[in-house]
N, C-alpha and C. Protein backbone atom coordinates (compact mmCIF):
# COMPACT_ATOMS: atom_id res chain seq x y z
N MET A 1 8.91 22.21 6.34
CA MET A 1 9.53 21.01 5.81
C MET A 1 8.45 19.92 5.69
N ASN A 2 8.45 19.25 4.57
CA ASN A 2 7.58 18.10 4.36
C ASN A 2 8.34 17.08 3.52
N ARG A 3 8.99 16.15 4.17
CA ARG A 3 9.78 15.14 3.46
C ARG A 3 8.92 14.26 2.56
N LEU A 4 7.63 14.18 2.82
CA LEU A 4 6.77 13.28 2.04
C LEU A 4 6.05 13.98 0.89
N GLU A 5 6.29 15.29 0.74
CA GLU A 5 5.66 15.99 -0.38
C GLU A 5 6.08 15.34 -1.69
N ASN A 6 5.09 14.98 -2.48
CA ASN A 6 5.27 14.32 -3.79
C ASN A 6 5.81 12.89 -3.70
N ALA A 7 5.93 12.35 -2.51
CA ALA A 7 6.33 10.94 -2.39
C ALA A 7 5.20 10.09 -2.97
N ARG A 8 5.58 8.97 -3.56
CA ARG A 8 4.59 8.04 -4.10
C ARG A 8 4.41 6.91 -3.09
N ILE A 9 3.21 6.83 -2.52
CA ILE A 9 2.93 5.78 -1.55
C ILE A 9 1.79 4.92 -2.08
N TYR A 10 2.08 3.64 -2.18
CA TYR A 10 1.11 2.67 -2.69
C TYR A 10 0.20 2.21 -1.56
N LEU A 11 -1.10 2.24 -1.80
CA LEU A 11 -2.10 1.83 -0.82
C LEU A 11 -2.44 0.36 -1.04
N CYS A 12 -1.90 -0.48 -0.19
CA CYS A 12 -1.91 -1.94 -0.36
C CYS A 12 -2.90 -2.59 0.60
N GLY A 13 -3.76 -3.43 0.06
CA GLY A 13 -4.72 -4.15 0.90
C GLY A 13 -5.73 -4.87 0.05
N ALA A 14 -6.52 -5.71 0.68
CA ALA A 14 -7.49 -6.55 -0.02
C ALA A 14 -8.48 -5.72 -0.83
N MET A 15 -8.85 -6.28 -1.98
CA MET A 15 -9.85 -5.64 -2.82
C MET A 15 -10.95 -6.62 -3.21
N ASP A 16 -10.57 -7.78 -3.73
CA ASP A 16 -11.59 -8.67 -4.27
C ASP A 16 -12.35 -9.44 -3.20
N ALA A 17 -11.86 -9.46 -1.97
CA ALA A 17 -12.53 -10.23 -0.92
C ALA A 17 -13.25 -9.34 0.09
N VAL A 18 -13.39 -8.06 -0.22
CA VAL A 18 -14.09 -7.14 0.68
C VAL A 18 -15.26 -6.49 -0.06
N PRO A 19 -16.36 -6.25 0.65
CA PRO A 19 -17.58 -5.77 -0.01
C PRO A 19 -17.43 -4.47 -0.80
N ASP A 20 -16.62 -3.53 -0.30
CA ASP A 20 -16.50 -2.25 -0.98
C ASP A 20 -15.32 -2.20 -1.94
N GLY A 21 -14.65 -3.33 -2.16
CA GLY A 21 -13.50 -3.36 -3.05
C GLY A 21 -12.27 -2.67 -2.49
N GLY A 22 -12.30 -2.35 -1.20
CA GLY A 22 -11.16 -1.68 -0.58
C GLY A 22 -11.14 -0.17 -0.78
N VAL A 23 -12.24 0.38 -1.27
CA VAL A 23 -12.30 1.81 -1.60
C VAL A 23 -12.35 2.69 -0.35
N GLN A 24 -13.15 2.31 0.64
CA GLN A 24 -13.42 3.21 1.77
C GLN A 24 -12.20 3.53 2.60
N TRP A 25 -11.41 2.53 2.99
CA TRP A 25 -10.25 2.84 3.84
C TRP A 25 -9.25 3.67 3.08
N ARG A 26 -9.10 3.41 1.79
CA ARG A 26 -8.16 4.19 0.99
C ARG A 26 -8.60 5.65 0.90
N ALA A 27 -9.88 5.88 0.66
CA ALA A 27 -10.39 7.26 0.59
C ALA A 27 -10.21 7.97 1.93
N ARG A 28 -10.45 7.27 3.02
CA ARG A 28 -10.29 7.84 4.36
C ARG A 28 -8.85 8.26 4.62
N VAL A 29 -7.91 7.40 4.27
CA VAL A 29 -6.49 7.70 4.47
C VAL A 29 -6.06 8.90 3.63
N LYS A 30 -6.47 8.91 2.38
CA LYS A 30 -6.09 10.03 1.50
C LYS A 30 -6.64 11.35 2.03
N ALA A 31 -7.86 11.34 2.53
CA ALA A 31 -8.44 12.56 3.10
C ALA A 31 -7.74 12.95 4.40
N GLN A 32 -7.48 11.96 5.27
CA GLN A 32 -6.85 12.22 6.57
C GLN A 32 -5.46 12.80 6.41
N LEU A 33 -4.75 12.40 5.36
CA LEU A 33 -3.36 12.83 5.18
C LEU A 33 -3.18 13.77 3.99
N ALA A 34 -4.25 14.42 3.57
CA ALA A 34 -4.20 15.32 2.41
C ALA A 34 -3.17 16.44 2.59
N ASP A 35 -2.97 16.89 3.82
CA ASP A 35 -2.04 17.98 4.10
C ASP A 35 -0.58 17.62 3.80
N LEU A 36 -0.28 16.34 3.62
CA LEU A 36 1.10 15.92 3.36
C LEU A 36 1.47 15.94 1.87
N ASP A 37 0.49 16.20 1.02
CA ASP A 37 0.74 16.30 -0.43
C ASP A 37 1.44 15.07 -0.99
N ILE A 38 0.97 13.91 -0.57
CA ILE A 38 1.51 12.63 -1.04
C ILE A 38 0.84 12.29 -2.37
N ASN A 39 1.59 11.69 -3.26
CA ASN A 39 1.03 11.13 -4.50
C ASN A 39 0.65 9.69 -4.21
N TRP A 40 -0.64 9.46 -4.02
CA TRP A 40 -1.12 8.13 -3.66
C TRP A 40 -1.24 7.27 -4.91
N LEU A 41 -0.70 6.08 -4.84
CA LEU A 41 -0.89 5.08 -5.88
C LEU A 41 -1.97 4.14 -5.36
N ASP A 42 -3.15 4.27 -5.93
CA ASP A 42 -4.33 3.59 -5.42
C ASP A 42 -4.81 2.56 -6.44
N PRO A 43 -4.73 1.26 -6.11
CA PRO A 43 -5.14 0.24 -7.06
C PRO A 43 -6.64 0.25 -7.36
N CYS A 44 -7.43 0.93 -6.54
CA CYS A 44 -8.86 1.06 -6.82
C CYS A 44 -9.10 2.05 -7.96
N PHE A 45 -8.17 2.96 -8.14
CA PHE A 45 -8.25 3.98 -9.19
C PHE A 45 -6.87 4.05 -9.84
N LYS A 46 -6.54 3.02 -10.58
CA LYS A 46 -5.22 2.90 -11.18
C LYS A 46 -4.95 4.06 -12.14
N PRO A 47 -3.71 4.53 -12.18
CA PRO A 47 -3.36 5.62 -13.10
C PRO A 47 -3.11 5.08 -14.52
N THR A 48 -4.00 4.21 -14.96
CA THR A 48 -3.92 3.61 -16.29
C THR A 48 -5.31 3.11 -16.65
N THR A 49 -5.54 2.92 -17.92
CA THR A 49 -6.82 2.35 -18.35
C THR A 49 -6.76 0.83 -18.37
N LEU A 50 -5.58 0.28 -18.13
CA LEU A 50 -5.42 -1.17 -18.08
C LEU A 50 -5.77 -1.69 -16.69
N ALA A 51 -6.23 -2.90 -16.63
CA ALA A 51 -6.41 -3.63 -15.35
C ALA A 51 -7.34 -2.93 -14.38
N VAL A 52 -8.40 -2.37 -14.90
CA VAL A 52 -9.36 -1.69 -14.04
C VAL A 52 -10.03 -2.72 -13.14
N GLU A 53 -10.10 -2.37 -11.85
CA GLU A 53 -10.79 -3.22 -10.89
C GLU A 53 -11.98 -2.44 -10.34
N SER A 54 -13.14 -3.03 -10.45
CA SER A 54 -14.37 -2.40 -9.99
C SER A 54 -15.33 -3.49 -9.55
N GLU A 55 -16.45 -3.07 -9.01
CA GLU A 55 -17.47 -4.04 -8.61
C GLU A 55 -17.88 -4.87 -9.84
N GLU A 56 -18.04 -4.20 -10.96
CA GLU A 56 -18.44 -4.89 -12.20
C GLU A 56 -17.37 -5.85 -12.68
N SER A 57 -16.10 -5.43 -12.67
CA SER A 57 -15.04 -6.32 -13.17
C SER A 57 -14.89 -7.54 -12.26
N ARG A 58 -15.07 -7.35 -10.94
CA ARG A 58 -15.01 -8.49 -10.03
C ARG A 58 -16.18 -9.44 -10.26
N ARG A 59 -17.37 -8.88 -10.56
CA ARG A 59 -18.54 -9.71 -10.85
C ARG A 59 -18.28 -10.55 -12.11
N ILE A 60 -17.69 -9.95 -13.12
CA ILE A 60 -17.39 -10.67 -14.36
C ILE A 60 -16.35 -11.76 -14.11
N LEU A 61 -15.31 -11.45 -13.33
CA LEU A 61 -14.30 -12.47 -13.01
C LEU A 61 -14.92 -13.65 -12.27
N ASN A 62 -15.76 -13.37 -11.29
CA ASN A 62 -16.41 -14.45 -10.54
C ASN A 62 -17.34 -15.27 -11.43
N TRP A 63 -18.04 -14.60 -12.33
CA TRP A 63 -18.92 -15.29 -13.28
C TRP A 63 -18.10 -16.19 -14.20
N ALA A 64 -16.95 -15.69 -14.66
CA ALA A 64 -16.07 -16.49 -15.52
C ALA A 64 -15.57 -17.73 -14.77
N LYS A 65 -15.21 -17.56 -13.50
CA LYS A 65 -14.77 -18.73 -12.72
C LYS A 65 -15.90 -19.75 -12.57
N GLU A 66 -17.10 -19.26 -12.29
CA GLU A 66 -18.25 -20.17 -12.16
C GLU A 66 -18.50 -20.95 -13.45
N ARG A 67 -18.28 -20.32 -14.59
CA ARG A 67 -18.46 -20.97 -15.90
C ARG A 67 -17.28 -21.85 -16.27
N GLY A 68 -16.19 -21.73 -15.50
CA GLY A 68 -14.99 -22.51 -15.83
C GLY A 68 -14.11 -21.87 -16.88
N ASP A 69 -14.31 -20.56 -17.12
CA ASP A 69 -13.49 -19.84 -18.10
C ASP A 69 -12.22 -19.32 -17.42
N TYR A 70 -11.36 -20.27 -17.07
CA TYR A 70 -10.15 -19.93 -16.32
C TYR A 70 -9.13 -19.18 -17.18
N GLU A 71 -9.18 -19.34 -18.48
CA GLU A 71 -8.28 -18.58 -19.36
C GLU A 71 -8.58 -17.09 -19.25
N TYR A 72 -9.86 -16.74 -19.23
CA TYR A 72 -10.25 -15.34 -19.08
C TYR A 72 -9.76 -14.79 -17.75
N VAL A 73 -10.02 -15.55 -16.67
CA VAL A 73 -9.61 -15.10 -15.33
C VAL A 73 -8.10 -14.93 -15.27
N THR A 74 -7.37 -15.90 -15.81
CA THR A 74 -5.91 -15.84 -15.82
C THR A 74 -5.43 -14.61 -16.58
N LYS A 75 -5.98 -14.37 -17.76
CA LYS A 75 -5.56 -13.22 -18.58
C LYS A 75 -5.80 -11.90 -17.84
N GLN A 76 -6.98 -11.75 -17.25
CA GLN A 76 -7.31 -10.51 -16.54
C GLN A 76 -6.44 -10.33 -15.30
N MET A 77 -6.28 -11.40 -14.54
CA MET A 77 -5.52 -11.29 -13.29
C MET A 77 -4.03 -11.10 -13.52
N LYS A 78 -3.50 -11.64 -14.59
CA LYS A 78 -2.08 -11.39 -14.90
C LYS A 78 -1.86 -9.90 -15.16
N LEU A 79 -2.79 -9.28 -15.86
CA LEU A 79 -2.67 -7.85 -16.14
C LEU A 79 -2.83 -7.03 -14.85
N ILE A 80 -3.82 -7.38 -14.04
CA ILE A 80 -4.01 -6.68 -12.76
C ILE A 80 -2.78 -6.85 -11.88
N ARG A 81 -2.27 -8.06 -11.78
CA ARG A 81 -1.08 -8.33 -10.97
C ARG A 81 0.11 -7.52 -11.48
N HIS A 82 0.28 -7.48 -12.80
CA HIS A 82 1.39 -6.73 -13.40
C HIS A 82 1.31 -5.25 -13.01
N ILE A 83 0.15 -4.64 -13.19
CA ILE A 83 0.00 -3.21 -12.89
C ILE A 83 0.19 -2.94 -11.40
N ASP A 84 -0.42 -3.77 -10.55
CA ASP A 84 -0.29 -3.54 -9.10
C ASP A 84 1.16 -3.72 -8.63
N LEU A 85 1.85 -4.72 -9.16
CA LEU A 85 3.25 -4.90 -8.77
C LEU A 85 4.12 -3.78 -9.33
N ARG A 86 3.75 -3.23 -10.48
CA ARG A 86 4.49 -2.09 -11.02
C ARG A 86 4.31 -0.87 -10.13
N MET A 87 3.08 -0.66 -9.64
CA MET A 87 2.86 0.46 -8.71
C MET A 87 3.66 0.25 -7.43
N THR A 88 3.72 -1.00 -6.95
CA THR A 88 4.55 -1.31 -5.79
C THR A 88 6.01 -0.97 -6.08
N ASP A 89 6.45 -1.34 -7.27
CA ASP A 89 7.84 -1.13 -7.67
C ASP A 89 8.22 0.35 -7.73
N ILE A 90 7.35 1.19 -8.28
CA ILE A 90 7.71 2.60 -8.44
C ILE A 90 7.41 3.44 -7.20
N SER A 91 6.79 2.84 -6.20
CA SER A 91 6.45 3.60 -5.00
C SER A 91 7.70 3.89 -4.17
N ASP A 92 7.59 4.94 -3.37
CA ASP A 92 8.64 5.27 -2.42
C ASP A 92 8.43 4.53 -1.10
N ALA A 93 7.17 4.17 -0.84
CA ALA A 93 6.79 3.44 0.37
C ALA A 93 5.45 2.78 0.09
N ILE A 94 5.08 1.83 0.96
CA ILE A 94 3.74 1.28 0.84
C ILE A 94 3.05 1.35 2.20
N LEU A 95 1.76 1.61 2.14
CA LEU A 95 0.91 1.64 3.31
C LEU A 95 -0.07 0.48 3.18
N VAL A 96 -0.03 -0.43 4.15
CA VAL A 96 -0.77 -1.68 4.06
C VAL A 96 -1.89 -1.71 5.09
N ASN A 97 -3.05 -2.14 4.65
CA ASN A 97 -4.17 -2.40 5.55
C ASN A 97 -4.36 -3.91 5.62
N ILE A 98 -4.15 -4.46 6.81
CA ILE A 98 -4.33 -5.90 7.02
C ILE A 98 -5.57 -6.12 7.86
N ASP A 99 -6.44 -6.99 7.37
CA ASP A 99 -7.58 -7.48 8.13
C ASP A 99 -7.47 -8.99 8.10
N LEU A 100 -7.19 -9.58 9.23
CA LEU A 100 -6.94 -11.02 9.30
C LEU A 100 -8.17 -11.86 8.98
N ASP A 101 -9.34 -11.23 8.90
CA ASP A 101 -10.56 -11.95 8.55
C ASP A 101 -10.78 -12.02 7.04
N VAL A 102 -9.86 -11.45 6.26
CA VAL A 102 -10.01 -11.36 4.81
C VAL A 102 -8.81 -12.01 4.12
N VAL A 103 -9.07 -12.75 3.06
CA VAL A 103 -7.99 -13.33 2.25
C VAL A 103 -7.30 -12.19 1.51
N MET A 104 -5.97 -12.15 1.60
CA MET A 104 -5.20 -11.05 1.00
C MET A 104 -3.99 -11.59 0.24
N THR A 105 -4.19 -12.40 -0.71
CA THR A 105 -3.08 -13.03 -1.42
C THR A 105 -2.16 -12.01 -2.07
N GLY A 106 -2.70 -11.11 -2.85
CA GLY A 106 -1.88 -10.11 -3.53
C GLY A 106 -1.18 -9.17 -2.58
N THR A 107 -1.84 -8.86 -1.48
CA THR A 107 -1.26 -7.95 -0.49
C THR A 107 0.07 -8.48 0.02
N TYR A 108 0.11 -9.76 0.35
CA TYR A 108 1.36 -10.32 0.87
C TYR A 108 2.45 -10.33 -0.20
N GLU A 109 2.09 -10.59 -1.46
CA GLU A 109 3.11 -10.54 -2.51
C GLU A 109 3.65 -9.12 -2.65
N GLU A 110 2.77 -8.13 -2.60
CA GLU A 110 3.21 -6.73 -2.70
C GLU A 110 4.11 -6.35 -1.53
N ILE A 111 3.77 -6.80 -0.32
CA ILE A 111 4.62 -6.52 0.84
C ILE A 111 6.03 -7.06 0.61
N PHE A 112 6.12 -8.31 0.17
CA PHE A 112 7.44 -8.91 0.04
C PHE A 112 8.21 -8.39 -1.16
N CYS A 113 7.52 -7.96 -2.20
CA CYS A 113 8.22 -7.28 -3.30
C CYS A 113 8.82 -5.96 -2.81
N ALA A 114 8.04 -5.19 -2.06
CA ALA A 114 8.55 -3.93 -1.50
C ALA A 114 9.66 -4.18 -0.51
N ASN A 115 9.56 -5.24 0.25
CA ASN A 115 10.59 -5.56 1.25
C ASN A 115 11.93 -5.87 0.58
N ARG A 116 11.90 -6.52 -0.56
CA ARG A 116 13.17 -6.82 -1.25
C ARG A 116 13.90 -5.54 -1.65
N SER A 117 13.16 -4.46 -1.84
CA SER A 117 13.77 -3.16 -2.14
C SER A 117 14.03 -2.33 -0.89
N LYS A 118 13.72 -2.90 0.27
CA LYS A 118 13.90 -2.21 1.55
C LYS A 118 13.13 -0.90 1.61
N LYS A 119 11.95 -0.89 1.00
CA LYS A 119 11.09 0.29 1.07
C LYS A 119 10.46 0.38 2.45
N PRO A 120 10.10 1.57 2.88
CA PRO A 120 9.32 1.68 4.11
C PRO A 120 7.96 1.00 3.88
N ILE A 121 7.58 0.12 4.80
CA ILE A 121 6.32 -0.59 4.72
C ILE A 121 5.58 -0.33 6.02
N ILE A 122 4.54 0.50 5.93
CA ILE A 122 3.77 0.87 7.10
C ILE A 122 2.53 -0.02 7.11
N ILE A 123 2.33 -0.72 8.22
CA ILE A 123 1.22 -1.66 8.31
C ILE A 123 0.26 -1.25 9.41
N ARG A 124 -1.01 -1.22 9.07
CA ARG A 124 -2.09 -1.04 10.04
C ARG A 124 -2.90 -2.33 10.03
N CYS A 125 -3.09 -2.91 11.21
CA CYS A 125 -3.84 -4.16 11.32
C CYS A 125 -5.16 -3.90 12.03
N GLU A 126 -6.24 -4.29 11.39
CA GLU A 126 -7.59 -4.12 11.94
C GLU A 126 -7.70 -4.72 13.34
N GLN A 127 -7.08 -5.86 13.57
CA GLN A 127 -7.18 -6.56 14.85
C GLN A 127 -6.16 -6.07 15.88
N GLY A 128 -5.27 -5.17 15.50
CA GLY A 128 -4.28 -4.63 16.41
C GLY A 128 -2.87 -5.10 16.07
N LYS A 129 -1.90 -4.29 16.45
CA LYS A 129 -0.49 -4.60 16.18
C LYS A 129 -0.10 -5.96 16.73
N ASN A 130 -0.63 -6.31 17.90
CA ASN A 130 -0.26 -7.57 18.53
C ASN A 130 -0.82 -8.79 17.79
N LYS A 131 -1.63 -8.58 16.79
CA LYS A 131 -2.18 -9.69 16.00
C LYS A 131 -1.54 -9.81 14.62
N ILE A 132 -0.62 -8.90 14.31
CA ILE A 132 0.08 -8.97 13.01
C ILE A 132 0.82 -10.30 12.94
N PRO A 133 0.75 -11.00 11.80
CA PRO A 133 1.40 -12.30 11.69
C PRO A 133 2.88 -12.24 12.07
N ASN A 134 3.31 -13.24 12.82
CA ASN A 134 4.69 -13.30 13.33
C ASN A 134 5.72 -13.18 12.22
N TRP A 135 5.45 -13.74 11.06
CA TRP A 135 6.42 -13.71 9.95
C TRP A 135 6.79 -12.26 9.61
N LEU A 136 5.81 -11.37 9.67
CA LEU A 136 6.08 -9.97 9.34
C LEU A 136 7.00 -9.32 10.37
N PHE A 137 6.92 -9.75 11.64
CA PHE A 137 7.84 -9.23 12.66
C PHE A 137 9.28 -9.64 12.35
N GLY A 138 9.46 -10.77 11.70
CA GLY A 138 10.80 -11.21 11.33
C GLY A 138 11.31 -10.55 10.06
N ALA A 139 10.41 -9.94 9.29
CA ALA A 139 10.79 -9.38 8.00
C ALA A 139 10.88 -7.86 7.99
N LEU A 140 10.13 -7.21 8.86
CA LEU A 140 9.97 -5.75 8.79
C LEU A 140 10.18 -5.09 10.15
N PRO A 141 10.53 -3.80 10.17
CA PRO A 141 10.65 -3.09 11.45
C PRO A 141 9.28 -2.94 12.13
N HIS A 142 9.13 -3.48 13.33
CA HIS A 142 7.85 -3.42 14.02
C HIS A 142 7.46 -1.99 14.39
N GLN A 143 8.42 -1.07 14.36
CA GLN A 143 8.12 0.33 14.67
C GLN A 143 7.20 0.94 13.61
N MET A 144 7.03 0.25 12.48
CA MET A 144 6.14 0.72 11.42
C MET A 144 4.83 -0.06 11.40
N PHE A 145 4.50 -0.75 12.49
CA PHE A 145 3.25 -1.49 12.63
C PHE A 145 2.32 -0.71 13.56
N PHE A 146 1.05 -0.63 13.20
CA PHE A 146 0.12 0.18 13.98
C PHE A 146 -1.24 -0.51 14.09
N SER A 147 -1.99 -0.09 15.12
CA SER A 147 -3.32 -0.63 15.36
C SER A 147 -4.42 0.27 14.83
N THR A 148 -4.14 1.57 14.68
CA THR A 148 -5.19 2.51 14.27
C THR A 148 -4.68 3.41 13.14
N TRP A 149 -5.65 3.98 12.43
CA TRP A 149 -5.30 4.94 11.37
C TRP A 149 -4.74 6.22 11.97
N ASP A 150 -5.19 6.61 13.15
CA ASP A 150 -4.63 7.80 13.80
C ASP A 150 -3.14 7.62 14.08
N GLU A 151 -2.75 6.42 14.55
CA GLU A 151 -1.33 6.13 14.78
C GLU A 151 -0.54 6.21 13.48
N VAL A 152 -1.11 5.70 12.40
CA VAL A 152 -0.45 5.77 11.08
C VAL A 152 -0.27 7.24 10.70
N GLY A 153 -1.32 8.03 10.85
CA GLY A 153 -1.24 9.46 10.52
C GLY A 153 -0.19 10.18 11.34
N ASP A 154 -0.16 9.92 12.64
CA ASP A 154 0.85 10.55 13.52
C ASP A 154 2.26 10.17 13.06
N TYR A 155 2.45 8.90 12.74
CA TYR A 155 3.77 8.44 12.31
C TYR A 155 4.19 9.11 11.00
N LEU A 156 3.30 9.14 10.02
CA LEU A 156 3.67 9.75 8.73
C LEU A 156 3.89 11.25 8.86
N ARG A 157 3.15 11.91 9.72
CA ARG A 157 3.40 13.35 9.96
C ARG A 157 4.76 13.55 10.64
N GLN A 158 5.14 12.65 11.53
CA GLN A 158 6.45 12.73 12.16
C GLN A 158 7.54 12.54 11.10
N VAL A 159 7.39 11.54 10.24
CA VAL A 159 8.37 11.32 9.18
C VAL A 159 8.46 12.56 8.29
N ALA A 160 7.33 13.15 7.99
CA ALA A 160 7.30 14.31 7.10
C ALA A 160 7.94 15.54 7.72
N ARG A 161 7.74 15.75 9.02
CA ARG A 161 8.04 17.06 9.58
C ARG A 161 9.05 17.11 10.72
N ALA A 162 9.37 16.00 11.35
CA ALA A 162 10.27 16.04 12.50
C ALA A 162 11.68 16.43 12.07
N ASN A 163 12.40 17.09 12.95
CA ASN A 163 13.78 17.47 12.65
C ASN A 163 14.67 16.25 12.47
N VAL A 164 14.43 15.23 13.28
CA VAL A 164 15.21 14.00 13.21
C VAL A 164 14.23 12.83 13.08
N VAL A 165 14.52 11.94 12.13
CA VAL A 165 13.66 10.78 11.90
C VAL A 165 14.50 9.52 11.97
N ASP A 166 14.03 8.56 12.76
CA ASP A 166 14.67 7.24 12.75
C ASP A 166 14.18 6.54 11.49
N THR A 167 15.08 6.25 10.58
CA THR A 167 14.69 5.69 9.28
C THR A 167 14.49 4.18 9.32
N TYR A 168 14.94 3.53 10.39
CA TYR A 168 14.89 2.07 10.50
C TYR A 168 15.49 1.42 9.26
N SER A 169 16.48 2.07 8.69
CA SER A 169 17.16 1.61 7.47
C SER A 169 16.18 1.42 6.32
N ARG A 170 15.11 2.20 6.31
CA ARG A 170 14.09 2.12 5.26
C ARG A 170 13.90 3.43 4.53
N TRP A 171 13.64 4.49 5.29
CA TRP A 171 13.42 5.79 4.66
C TRP A 171 14.75 6.32 4.14
N CYS A 172 14.73 6.88 2.96
CA CYS A 172 15.93 7.49 2.36
C CYS A 172 15.50 8.79 1.71
N PHE A 173 15.96 9.90 2.25
CA PHE A 173 15.54 11.20 1.75
C PHE A 173 16.70 11.87 1.03
N PHE A 174 16.37 12.56 -0.07
CA PHE A 174 17.38 13.25 -0.87
C PHE A 174 17.03 14.73 -0.92
N ASP A 175 18.05 15.56 -0.91
CA ASP A 175 17.88 17.00 -1.13
C ASP A 175 18.27 17.22 -2.58
N LEU A 176 17.27 17.44 -3.41
CA LEU A 176 17.52 17.57 -4.85
C LEU A 176 17.69 19.01 -5.30
N GLU A 177 17.68 19.93 -4.34
CA GLU A 177 17.89 21.33 -4.67
C GLU A 177 19.36 21.55 -5.02
N PRO A 178 19.64 22.46 -5.96
CA PRO A 178 21.04 22.75 -6.28
C PRO A 178 21.80 23.19 -5.03
N GLY A 179 22.93 22.58 -4.80
CA GLY A 179 23.74 22.90 -3.63
C GLY A 179 23.23 22.30 -2.35
N GLY A 180 22.25 21.43 -2.44
CA GLY A 180 21.67 20.80 -1.25
C GLY A 180 22.66 19.87 -0.59
N THR A 181 22.48 19.71 0.69
CA THR A 181 23.40 18.87 1.47
C THR A 181 22.88 17.46 1.65
N GLY A 182 21.60 17.24 1.37
CA GLY A 182 21.03 15.90 1.56
C GLY A 182 20.77 15.61 3.02
N GLU A 183 20.15 14.46 3.25
CA GLU A 183 19.88 14.04 4.65
C GLU A 183 20.33 12.62 4.79
């Protein structure tokens, strides 16, 4: 049994304010959880030719801001925001990487968009679960907050394979096989 097989999970976290564009942690998570056959929605490698984000595109955006070409920045960021929020919208869950030392404006918008749909929102905080902003404790089940990637992996494997899963009123699994009884 693998409840997460073919699930779409959006990898949410800072990109423009981190040196590697957010690529490394996402690659690590995808490799660590490859056995779960999850369909990762990764904003570093969007499944579209629109709104590409790369080291070069970020350099151009910053150059445009320095020149005062705010129309260019606005046009590009509206498209990036649209695509990223669409990936949030079509995801079955989101996996968030929070680093309190980094500005994460889009990350928080994506969290709250997913929260309005009551999607499972799994959060890993670089500084530890006890440092996650208090507002998130009021908005989301703290049982989905973690300090390490190993804890995230253990949790997702439990969701995928355990006989009984506490859904925290977030996870919703369907048996789509003919004659299935559902869960």
